[in-house]
Amino acid sequence: MNYRELLKNYDVVRQLSLLQLVAYFAAWFSNVAIYTMLVQFNSSAFAISVVTAMHFLPAIIIAPLSGAIIDRFRIKPLMITLLSVELAMTLLFLTIDSKEEVWLLMIFIFIRMASASMFFSTEMSLLPKLVSGIALQKANEIHSIIWSFTFAAGMALSGIVVNLVGVKWAIIIDAFIIFTAIILLININFKIEIIHTKEKIISLIKDGFLYLKQNKLVVHLIVLHSSVGLTIFDTIVTLLAKNQYKYVISVPLAIGLTNAFRATALMIGPFIISNWVNKERLLYIFIFQGSAIIFWALVQSNFYISLLAIFFVGFTTTTIWSFTYALLQEKTDNKYLGRVISYNDMIFMLTTVLTTIFIGIMAELVSLKLITLTLGVLFFLVAIYYKWLKSRI
């Protein structure tokens, strides 16, 4: 089955894919505005890293609760509510006018990303109930390609918009995009029967943790998937733009172009290597990922060469994400999908937060090159971990 056949034969997958396209574009479109705002406020490296962490911290804190909510309530009304909260928080970004209000920005980002995280987990727990096997893997790949495309288009177009008309207008446009996503969602009809449990939320949370305790392979797959969190380079990209690239190009364009090149590779990669990758060859993908990050570290002082390097960094990341996610979904019982997906997102986001805070703290002590080299080496350790784990899958 190819992507076209999947979208042709599964109407709901096609409709959800369009929804993802719009919703994820909105999520990335405001990021350049936020980071540009921080640079305009002359924020420290640590402050930038904390704001970046606020994009991921909610998933860690609310994961047990969100997983139980996903398995307990009807999916469509839940998703509409979550998008509405995202819209409200985005509009509140317009109230931030000074460095002293950055703490308020962090709160708005936290609430918005808590909703976005639960929305993402809801979708990812829904997919295995719609399709299975190779169709599920392809659906995950479509999802990750859309994520990558919207990351590239959102960052690139936002960089241009912020550069031309400013931060405030970029945020207003972002709010209109989220509103469009809500309209699309309202018009989607799920053609499957979703079984809703009557168990209490607390019981669902306890039962979910017990399931993990009894299924060690699921836990290992969650840890393996979390390695993608080591590729969260927003802080590094922002600091490079602030400290080095501003002498070559404007800060918003430097941030937008760097992320756009990486995201283009995230989108192209699956089309080239997804049919080649299997459980045996995934080991080499981890090794390539680490090598690409090390190459970027060595050339990132040159803006134009670094654009080529960041392309290689993104080339295999989507495949790692989608393949490890499919492994986890296939090894999880349907009854526990909402909770397991949420716990998976919790560990993934914990990895991203720790990576982000590590970058923010170390940026005050050592060079960005050394920090990036360290992240590249960590992927060689992930490759060793996977080599040990693959015989158990």
Protein backbone atom coordinates (compact mmCIF):
# COMPACT_ATOMS: atom_id res chain seq x y z
CA MET A 1 0.00 0.00 0.00
CA ASN A 2 1.33 3.45 -0.92
CA TYR A 3 0.28 6.82 0.47
CA ARG A 4 -2.16 7.54 -2.35
CA GLU A 5 -3.97 4.21 -1.91
CA LEU A 6 -4.24 4.74 1.85
CA LEU A 7 -5.76 8.21 1.49
CA LYS A 8 -8.09 7.00 -1.29
CA ASN A 9 -9.40 3.99 0.64
CA TYR A 10 -9.68 5.54 4.11
CA ASP A 11 -11.80 8.71 4.13
CA VAL A 12 -11.24 9.41 7.83
CA VAL A 13 -7.45 9.15 7.46
CA ARG A 14 -7.64 11.62 4.57
CA GLN A 15 -9.79 14.03 6.58
CA LEU A 16 -7.57 13.73 9.63
CA SER A 17 -4.51 14.34 7.46
CA LEU A 18 -5.99 17.62 6.21
CA LEU A 19 -6.79 18.58 9.79
CA GLN A 20 -3.21 17.79 10.81
CA LEU A 21 -1.91 19.90 7.94
CA VAL A 22 -3.78 22.98 9.14
CA ALA A 23 -3.41 22.46 12.91
CA TYR A 24 0.31 21.70 12.82
CA PHE A 25 1.00 24.59 10.45
CA ALA A 26 -0.59 26.85 13.05
CA ALA A 27 1.54 25.33 15.82
CA TRP A 28 4.82 26.12 14.03
CA PHE A 29 3.76 29.43 12.49
CA SER A 30 3.84 31.27 15.82
CA ASN A 31 7.20 29.86 16.94
CA VAL A 32 9.37 32.25 14.93
CA ALA A 33 7.29 35.13 16.29
CA ILE A 34 7.83 33.92 19.85
CA TYR A 35 11.60 33.46 19.48
CA THR A 36 11.94 36.77 17.62
CA MET A 37 10.06 38.43 20.47
CA LEU A 38 12.56 36.97 22.94
CA VAL A 39 15.50 38.24 20.89
CA GLN A 40 13.88 41.70 20.72
CA PHE A 41 13.59 41.64 24.51
CA ASN A 42 17.33 40.74 24.67
CA SER A 43 16.51 37.62 26.70
CA SER A 44 19.30 35.43 28.07
CA ALA A 45 20.17 31.99 26.72
CA PHE A 46 18.62 30.41 29.80
CA ALA A 47 15.37 32.37 29.38
CA ILE A 48 15.14 31.26 25.75
CA SER A 49 15.73 27.64 26.78
CA VAL A 50 13.03 27.86 29.47
CA VAL A 51 10.51 29.25 26.97
CA THR A 52 11.46 26.41 24.60
CA ALA A 53 10.99 23.92 27.45
CA MET A 54 7.50 25.32 28.04
CA HIS A 55 6.56 23.92 24.63
CA PHE A 56 7.26 20.41 25.90
CA LEU A 57 6.84 20.47 29.70
CA PRO A 58 3.00 20.22 29.67
CA ALA A 59 3.10 16.75 28.11
CA ILE A 60 5.23 15.54 31.01
CA ILE A 61 2.98 16.93 33.72
CA ILE A 62 -0.45 16.07 32.31
CA ALA A 63 0.34 12.75 30.58
CA PRO A 64 -1.26 10.37 33.14
CA LEU A 65 -4.38 12.53 33.31
CA SER A 66 -4.63 13.17 29.56
CA GLY A 67 -4.26 9.46 28.76
CA ALA A 68 -7.13 8.61 31.07
CA ILE A 69 -9.26 11.42 29.61
CA ILE A 70 -8.60 10.20 26.06
CA ASP A 71 -9.67 6.64 26.98
CA ARG A 72 -12.68 7.94 28.92
CA PHE A 73 -14.38 10.64 26.81
CA ARG A 74 -15.69 10.99 23.27
CA ILE A 75 -12.92 11.92 20.90
CA LYS A 76 -14.45 14.58 18.63
CA PRO A 77 -15.85 16.93 21.33
CA LEU A 78 -12.56 16.56 23.21
CA MET A 79 -10.52 17.54 20.14
CA ILE A 80 -12.73 20.58 19.44
CA THR A 81 -12.31 21.77 23.02
CA LEU A 82 -8.55 21.37 22.86
CA LEU A 83 -8.24 23.38 19.63
CA SER A 84 -10.43 26.11 21.13
CA VAL A 85 -8.07 26.43 24.10
CA GLU A 86 -5.13 26.69 21.69
CA LEU A 87 -6.90 29.52 19.88
CA ALA A 88 -7.56 31.44 23.12
CA MET A 89 -3.95 31.15 24.31
CA THR A 90 -2.59 32.24 20.91
CA LEU A 91 -4.68 35.42 21.06
CA LEU A 92 -3.29 36.11 24.54
CA PHE A 93 0.24 36.15 23.08
CA LEU A 94 -0.75 39.59 21.74
CA THR A 95 -0.75 40.98 25.29
CA ILE A 96 3.01 40.43 25.80
CA ASP A 97 4.87 43.73 25.35
CA SER A 98 8.03 43.64 27.49
CA LYS A 99 10.76 41.48 28.98
CA GLU A 100 9.03 41.69 32.37
CA GLU A 101 6.02 39.84 30.95
CA VAL A 102 7.95 36.83 29.63
CA TRP A 103 6.77 34.82 32.65
CA LEU A 104 3.19 35.44 31.46
CA LEU A 105 4.17 34.29 27.97
CA MET A 106 5.46 31.06 29.54
CA ILE A 107 2.08 30.46 31.18
CA PHE A 108 0.20 31.01 27.91
CA ILE A 109 2.61 28.69 26.06
CA PHE A 110 2.23 26.07 28.81
CA ILE A 111 -1.58 26.05 28.56
CA ARG A 112 -1.54 26.09 24.75
CA MET A 113 0.94 23.23 24.56
CA ALA A 114 -0.95 21.21 27.19
CA SER A 115 -3.95 21.34 24.86
CA ALA A 116 -1.81 20.66 21.78
CA SER A 117 -0.14 17.70 23.48
CA MET A 118 -3.47 16.12 24.41
CA PHE A 119 -4.78 16.82 20.89
CA PHE A 120 -1.75 15.04 19.41
CA SER A 121 -2.11 12.05 21.76
CA THR A 122 -5.81 11.81 20.93
CA GLU A 123 -5.07 11.62 17.20
CA MET A 124 -2.28 9.07 17.65
CA SER A 125 -4.50 6.83 19.79
CA LEU A 126 -7.26 7.13 17.18
CA LEU A 127 -5.13 6.00 14.20
CA PRO A 128 -4.60 2.38 15.39
CA LYS A 129 -8.37 2.09 15.79
CA LEU A 130 -8.82 3.08 12.15
CA VAL A 131 -6.02 1.10 10.46
CA SER A 132 -3.45 -1.56 11.30
CA GLY A 133 -0.31 -3.23 9.95
CA ILE A 134 1.34 -1.60 6.94
CA ALA A 135 -1.55 0.88 6.70
CA LEU A 136 -0.80 2.07 10.23
CA GLN A 137 2.89 2.49 9.43
CA LYS A 138 2.01 4.47 6.29
CA ALA A 139 -0.51 6.57 8.24
CA ASN A 140 2.20 7.38 10.77
CA GLU A 141 4.57 8.30 7.95
CA ILE A 142 1.94 10.59 6.40
CA HIS A 143 1.46 12.14 9.83
CA SER A 144 5.20 12.73 10.24
CA ILE A 145 5.55 14.05 6.66
CA ILE A 146 2.75 16.52 7.34
CA TRP A 147 4.45 17.50 10.60
CA SER A 148 7.71 18.04 8.72
CA PHE A 149 6.08 19.98 5.88
CA THR A 150 4.19 22.26 8.24
CA PHE A 151 7.35 22.73 10.29
CA ALA A 152 9.21 23.81 7.15
CA ALA A 153 6.40 25.92 5.66
CA GLY A 154 5.32 27.34 9.01
CA MET A 155 8.83 28.36 10.06
CA ALA A 156 9.80 29.70 6.63
CA LEU A 157 6.61 31.69 6.00
CA SER A 158 6.49 32.92 9.58
CA GLY A 159 10.09 34.12 9.27
CA ILE A 160 9.10 36.12 6.17
CA VAL A 161 5.89 37.46 7.76
CA VAL A 162 7.64 38.49 10.98
CA ASN A 163 10.40 40.15 8.98
CA LEU A 164 7.88 42.09 6.85
CA VAL A 165 5.00 42.98 9.18
CA GLY A 166 6.17 42.10 12.68
CA VAL A 167 5.43 39.71 15.53
CA LYS A 168 1.87 40.82 16.31
CA TRP A 169 0.51 40.24 12.79
CA ALA A 170 2.13 36.80 12.67
CA ILE A 171 0.27 35.85 15.86
CA ILE A 172 -3.04 37.18 14.48
CA ILE A 173 -2.60 35.13 11.29
CA ASP A 174 -1.81 32.09 13.44
CA ALA A 175 -5.10 32.52 15.32
CA PHE A 176 -7.04 32.52 12.02
CA ILE A 177 -5.31 29.28 10.99
CA ILE A 178 -6.31 27.58 14.27
CA PHE A 179 -9.90 28.75 13.75
CA THR A 180 -9.83 27.11 10.31
CA ALA A 181 -8.68 23.84 11.91
CA ILE A 182 -11.67 23.96 14.26
CA ILE A 183 -14.08 24.36 11.32
CA LEU A 184 -12.46 21.40 9.54
CA LEU A 185 -12.72 19.21 12.63
CA ILE A 186 -16.39 20.01 13.13
CA ASN A 187 -17.08 18.64 9.63
CA ILE A 188 -15.24 15.32 10.13
CA ASN A 189 -17.46 12.28 10.77
CA PHE A 190 -15.73 9.34 12.45
CA LYS A 191 -17.15 6.21 10.82
CA ILE A 192 -16.02 3.80 13.52
CA GLU A 193 -17.52 2.92 16.84
CA ILE A 194 -15.32 4.14 19.69
CA ILE A 195 -15.83 2.14 22.88
CA HIS A 196 -15.99 4.38 25.94
CA THR A 197 -15.21 2.98 29.35
CA LYS A 198 -17.19 3.94 32.45
CA GLU A 199 -14.24 3.51 34.79
CA LYS A 200 -13.22 6.41 37.00
CA ILE A 201 -10.26 8.54 35.94
CA ILE A 202 -8.15 7.48 38.96
CA SER A 203 -8.76 3.80 38.21
CA LEU A 204 -7.78 4.29 34.59
CA ILE A 205 -4.53 5.99 35.60
CA LYS A 206 -3.61 3.19 38.02
CA ASP A 207 -4.54 0.51 35.50
CA GLY A 208 -2.39 2.21 32.85
CA PHE A 209 0.72 2.19 35.05
CA LEU A 210 0.05 -1.45 35.97
CA TYR A 211 -0.09 -2.30 32.26
CA LEU A 212 3.32 -0.73 31.72
CA LYS A 213 4.72 -2.62 34.69
CA GLN A 214 3.57 -5.91 33.19
CA ASN A 215 4.76 -5.12 29.64
CA LYS A 216 8.47 -4.30 29.74
CA LEU A 217 8.80 -4.31 25.94
CA VAL A 218 6.33 -1.42 25.71
CA VAL A 219 8.46 0.52 28.20
CA HIS A 220 11.63 -0.14 26.17
CA LEU A 221 9.90 1.05 22.99
CA ILE A 222 8.82 4.23 24.77
CA VAL A 223 12.43 4.87 25.78
CA LEU A 224 13.64 4.15 22.24
CA HIS A 225 11.13 6.56 20.71
CA SER A 226 12.14 9.27 23.18
CA SER A 227 15.57 9.44 21.54
CA VAL A 228 13.98 11.72 18.92
CA GLY A 229 13.78 14.29 21.72
CA LEU A 230 17.56 14.69 21.43
CA THR A 231 16.97 16.45 18.08
CA ILE A 232 15.18 19.46 19.58
CA PHE A 233 17.53 22.19 18.39
CA ASP A 234 15.31 25.29 18.76
CA THR A 235 17.55 26.83 21.43
CA ILE A 236 20.75 26.17 19.46
CA VAL A 237 19.24 27.62 16.28
CA THR A 238 17.96 30.71 18.11
CA LEU A 239 21.32 31.32 19.82
CA LEU A 240 23.23 30.85 16.55
CA ALA A 241 20.92 33.42 14.92
CA LYS A 242 21.27 35.80 17.86
CA ASN A 243 25.04 35.55 18.30
CA GLN A 244 26.45 34.69 14.85
CA TYR A 245 24.03 34.67 11.93
CA LYS A 246 22.65 38.17 12.63
CA TYR A 247 25.76 39.54 10.91
CA VAL A 248 24.84 37.61 7.75
CA ILE A 249 21.03 37.77 7.68
CA SER A 250 18.18 39.04 9.89
CA VAL A 251 17.39 37.02 13.02
CA PRO A 252 13.84 35.90 12.02
CA LEU A 253 15.03 34.85 8.55
CA ALA A 254 18.02 32.97 10.03
CA ILE A 255 15.72 31.06 12.39
CA GLY A 256 13.11 30.45 9.69
CA LEU A 257 15.53 29.31 6.98
CA THR A 258 17.53 27.03 9.28
CA ASN A 259 14.41 25.28 10.52
CA ALA A 260 12.95 25.22 7.00
CA PHE A 261 15.99 23.40 5.58
CA ARG A 262 15.86 20.83 8.35
CA ALA A 263 12.11 20.37 8.04
CA THR A 264 12.38 19.96 4.26
CA ALA A 265 14.69 17.03 4.91
CA LEU A 266 12.26 15.70 7.52
CA MET A 267 9.61 15.69 4.82
CA ILE A 268 11.73 14.28 1.97
CA GLY A 269 13.48 11.57 3.97
CA PRO A 270 10.54 9.14 4.32
CA PHE A 271 9.84 9.19 0.58
CA ILE A 272 13.41 8.01 -0.09
CA ILE A 273 14.18 5.58 2.72
CA SER A 274 10.90 4.44 4.33
CA ASN A 275 10.56 1.36 2.07
CA TRP A 276 14.20 0.45 2.73
CA VAL A 277 14.05 0.67 6.51
CA ASN A 278 13.16 -2.40 8.56
CA LYS A 279 13.92 -3.65 12.06
CA GLU A 280 17.42 -4.71 11.04
CA ARG A 281 18.36 -1.53 9.18
CA LEU A 282 16.99 0.86 11.80
CA LEU A 283 20.34 0.45 13.58
CA TYR A 284 22.12 2.19 10.69
CA ILE A 285 19.57 5.01 10.73
CA PHE A 286 20.49 5.80 14.34
CA ILE A 287 24.19 5.81 13.39
CA PHE A 288 23.53 8.13 10.43
CA GLN A 289 21.53 10.48 12.67
CA GLY A 290 24.41 10.82 15.12
CA SER A 291 26.95 11.32 12.32
CA ALA A 292 24.84 14.06 10.70
CA ILE A 293 24.54 15.98 13.99
CA ILE A 294 28.31 15.81 14.48
CA PHE A 295 28.83 17.12 10.92
CA TRP A 296 26.49 20.05 11.67
CA ALA A 297 28.43 20.82 14.84
CA LEU A 298 31.66 21.10 12.87
CA VAL A 299 30.30 23.54 10.24
CA GLN A 300 27.56 25.48 12.06
CA SER A 301 29.74 28.62 12.40
CA ASN A 302 29.20 29.16 8.64
CA PHE A 303 25.54 29.99 8.02
CA TYR A 304 25.30 28.76 4.42
CA ILE A 305 27.23 25.50 4.94
CA SER A 306 25.22 24.88 8.11
CA LEU A 307 22.02 24.94 6.04
CA LEU A 308 23.33 21.92 4.11
CA ALA A 309 24.38 20.20 7.33
CA ILE A 310 21.02 20.77 9.05
CA PHE A 311 19.37 19.17 6.00
CA PHE A 312 21.30 15.94 6.67
CA VAL A 313 20.39 16.20 10.36
CA GLY A 314 16.70 16.11 9.46
CA PHE A 315 16.90 13.48 6.73
CA THR A 316 16.44 10.40 8.95
CA THR A 317 14.68 11.92 11.97
CA THR A 318 11.15 11.45 10.60
CA THR A 319 11.82 7.79 9.83
CA ILE A 320 13.08 7.19 13.38
CA TRP A 321 9.98 8.90 14.74
CA SER A 322 7.39 7.08 12.60
CA PHE A 323 9.01 3.62 12.70
CA THR A 324 9.48 3.55 16.48
CA TYR A 325 5.96 4.95 16.96
CA ALA A 326 4.46 2.20 14.80
CA LEU A 327 6.36 -0.44 16.80
CA LEU A 328 4.90 0.95 20.01
CA GLN A 329 1.34 1.15 18.66
CA GLU A 330 1.46 -2.43 17.36
CA LYS A 331 2.74 -3.81 20.68
CA THR A 332 0.05 -2.02 22.73
CA ASP A 333 -3.45 -3.39 23.39
CA ASN A 334 -6.21 -1.15 21.99
CA LYS A 335 -7.78 -0.72 25.43
CA TYR A 336 -4.64 1.02 26.70
CA LEU A 337 -3.67 3.00 23.59
CA GLY A 338 -4.72 6.40 24.92
CA ARG A 339 -2.78 5.97 28.14
CA VAL A 340 0.30 4.37 26.60
CA ILE A 341 0.49 7.04 23.88
CA SER A 342 0.23 9.73 26.56
CA TYR A 343 2.93 8.08 28.68
CA ASN A 344 5.06 7.81 25.56
CA ASP A 345 4.57 11.53 24.88
CA MET A 346 5.45 12.23 28.51
CA ILE A 347 8.82 10.47 28.25
CA PHE A 348 9.47 11.97 24.83
CA MET A 349 8.75 15.45 26.10
CA LEU A 350 10.85 14.83 29.22
CA THR A 351 13.74 14.06 26.91
CA THR A 352 13.12 17.26 24.95
CA VAL A 353 12.89 19.37 28.11
CA LEU A 354 16.08 17.90 29.59
CA THR A 355 17.83 18.40 26.23
CA THR A 356 16.61 21.99 26.05
CA ILE A 357 17.60 22.84 29.63
CA PHE A 358 20.97 21.12 29.10
CA ILE A 359 21.58 23.32 26.06
CA GLY A 360 20.49 26.48 27.90
CA ILE A 361 22.76 25.84 30.90
CA MET A 362 25.76 24.61 28.92
CA ALA A 363 25.52 27.52 26.44
CA GLU A 364 26.70 29.79 29.27
CA LEU A 365 29.72 27.56 29.89
CA VAL A 366 30.89 26.00 26.61
CA SER A 367 30.52 26.53 22.86
CA LEU A 368 27.43 25.52 20.90
CA LYS A 369 29.70 23.30 18.81
CA LEU A 370 30.64 21.18 21.82
CA ILE A 371 27.01 20.93 22.90
CA THR A 372 25.96 19.77 19.43
CA LEU A 373 28.80 17.24 19.28
CA THR A 374 27.58 15.75 22.57
CA LEU A 375 24.06 15.30 21.20
CA GLY A 376 25.48 13.55 18.13
CA VAL A 377 27.50 11.12 20.23
CA LEU A 378 24.39 10.25 22.26
CA PHE A 379 22.80 8.77 19.14
CA PHE A 380 25.61 6.22 18.93
CA LEU A 381 24.58 5.13 22.44
CA VAL A 382 20.97 4.89 21.21
CA ALA A 383 22.18 2.63 18.38
CA ILE A 384 23.83 0.32 20.94
CA TYR A 385 20.59 0.27 22.97
CA TYR A 386 18.54 -0.64 19.90
CA LYS A 387 20.96 -3.42 18.93
CA TRP A 388 20.31 -4.98 22.34
CA LEU A 389 16.54 -4.43 22.09
CA LYS A 390 15.75 -5.58 18.53
CA SER A 391 15.91 -9.31 19.31
CA ARG A 392 13.01 -8.78 21.76
CA ILE A 393 10.72 -6.97 19.32
